[in-house]
Protein backbone atom coordinates (compact mmCIF):
# COMPACT_ATOMS: atom_id res chain seq x y z
CA UNK A 1 -0.15 0.06 -0.02
CA UNK A 2 1.31 3.27 -1.14
CA UNK A 3 0.58 6.23 1.43
CA UNK A 4 1.72 9.89 1.29
CA UNK A 5 2.55 11.02 5.22
CA UNK A 6 3.71 14.09 6.34
CA UNK A 7 6.03 14.61 9.30
CA UNK A 8 3.43 14.95 11.98
CA UNK A 9 1.68 11.69 10.56
CA UNK A 10 4.90 9.60 10.75
CA UNK A 11 6.03 10.95 14.34
CA UNK A 12 2.57 9.32 15.31
CA UNK A 13 2.56 6.33 13.32
CA UNK A 14 5.92 5.72 15.60
CA UNK A 15 3.86 6.01 18.79
CA UNK A 16 1.16 3.83 17.82
CA UNK A 17 3.51 0.89 16.95
CA UNK A 18 3.28 -2.43 18.97
CA UNK A 19 5.93 -2.68 21.72
CA UNK A 20 5.30 -6.25 22.60
CA UNK A 21 4.48 -9.19 20.42
CA UNK A 22 5.88 -12.39 19.06
CA UNK A 23 9.34 -12.53 17.47
CA UNK A 24 7.91 -12.39 13.65
CA UNK A 25 5.90 -9.22 14.64
CA UNK A 26 8.54 -7.50 16.27
CA UNK A 27 10.66 -8.02 12.87
CA UNK A 28 7.94 -6.30 11.29
CA UNK A 29 7.68 -3.57 13.50
CA UNK A 30 11.36 -2.65 13.43
CA UNK A 31 11.30 -2.53 9.37
CA UNK A 32 8.35 -0.52 10.08
CA UNK A 33 10.11 1.76 12.25
CA UNK A 34 13.20 1.63 9.78
CA UNK A 35 10.66 3.06 7.05
CA UNK A 36 8.49 5.94 8.79
CA UNK A 37 11.79 7.26 10.68
CA UNK A 38 13.91 9.99 9.06
CA UNK A 39 17.15 9.68 7.07
CA UNK A 40 19.97 12.42 8.13
CA UNK A 41 19.13 14.29 4.73
CA UNK A 42 15.32 14.56 5.89
CA UNK A 43 16.33 15.51 9.42
CA UNK A 44 18.27 18.44 7.77
CA UNK A 45 15.83 19.11 4.99
CA UNK A 46 12.60 19.64 7.67
CA UNK A 47 15.11 21.05 10.18
CA UNK A 48 13.68 18.64 12.77
CA UNK A 49 14.88 18.98 16.25
CA UNK A 50 13.62 17.56 19.72
CA UNK A 51 13.45 19.28 22.98
CA UNK A 52 13.36 17.52 26.05
CA UNK A 53 12.35 19.47 29.06
CA UNK A 54 12.08 16.68 32.28
CA UNK A 55 9.62 14.20 31.12
CA UNK A 56 8.10 16.10 28.34
CA UNK A 57 9.57 16.52 24.38
CA UNK A 58 8.11 18.07 21.88
CA UNK A 59 9.56 17.92 17.80
CA UNK A 60 9.79 21.10 15.71
CA UNK A 61 9.92 21.22 11.82
CA UNK A 62 9.97 23.57 9.31
CA UNK A 63 7.11 23.97 6.47
CA UNK A 64 8.96 21.19 4.49
CA UNK A 65 7.76 18.88 7.15
CA UNK A 66 4.29 19.29 6.06
CA UNK A 67 4.50 18.21 2.67
CA UNK A 68 3.88 14.66 1.94
CA UNK A 69 6.35 11.95 1.28
CA UNK A 70 5.13 8.62 -0.37
CA UNK A 71 5.93 5.66 1.59
CA UNK A 72 5.15 2.06 0.51
CA UNK A 73 3.86 -0.57 3.40
CA UNK A 74 4.01 -4.44 2.78
CA UNK A 75 0.63 -6.25 3.48
CA UNK A 76 1.33 -7.33 6.88
CA UNK A 77 3.15 -3.77 8.02
CA UNK A 78 -0.36 -2.11 6.60
CA UNK A 79 -2.27 -4.91 8.66
CA UNK A 80 -0.63 -3.97 11.72
CA UNK A 81 -1.09 -0.20 11.33
CA UNK A 82 -4.70 -0.60 10.83
CA UNK A 83 -5.30 -2.87 13.58
CA UNK A 84 -3.45 -0.62 15.96
CA UNK A 85 -5.86 2.00 14.49
CA UNK A 86 -9.04 0.12 14.71
CA UNK A 87 -8.05 -0.95 18.39
CA UNK A 88 -7.66 2.52 19.38
CA UNK A 89 -10.94 3.41 17.77
CA UNK A 90 -12.92 0.66 19.57
CA UNK A 91 -11.52 1.82 23.17
CA UNK A 92 -12.40 5.31 22.15
CA UNK A 93 -8.73 6.03 22.39
CA UNK A 94 -8.32 8.05 18.96
CA UNK A 95 -7.13 11.71 19.15
CA UNK A 96 -7.34 14.31 16.48
CA UNK A 97 -3.40 13.26 16.07
CA UNK A 98 -4.73 9.70 14.34
CA UNK A 99 -7.44 11.15 12.31
CA UNK A 100 -5.76 11.47 8.89
CA UNK A 101 -4.16 8.27 9.36
CA UNK A 102 -7.03 6.53 10.37
CA UNK A 103 -8.79 8.17 6.86
CA UNK A 104 -5.64 7.21 4.92
CA UNK A 105 -5.20 3.59 6.20
CA UNK A 106 -8.70 2.45 7.65
CA UNK A 107 -11.45 4.45 5.46
CA UNK A 108 -9.07 3.61 2.21
CA UNK A 109 -9.04 -0.31 3.01
CA UNK A 110 -12.93 -0.04 3.56
CA UNK A 111 -13.01 1.49 -0.20
CA UNK A 112 -10.56 -1.01 -1.80
């Protein structure tokens, strides 16, 4: 599945990745995190800066970070993302930051 994602969407995707599971799934999660994380070139291009104060941190980027970049996800990765988003929805734990990702992954899956 090909999806266009901007910096904030990629950051949110990293947060919803499963932290525990079986070995095979964790291998997919590792590949997934490598795919959505940022290259050195992207860090410079987007001016990504993480600021930490105590237990809180924030990430800032320039306007180029709002431009989408096309990423391709395999079937298992896509299923994992969809399951995570659906799980948040079922538990009524979706937040505004998840909205566009839900549309791009879950709603798109329904249309196909």
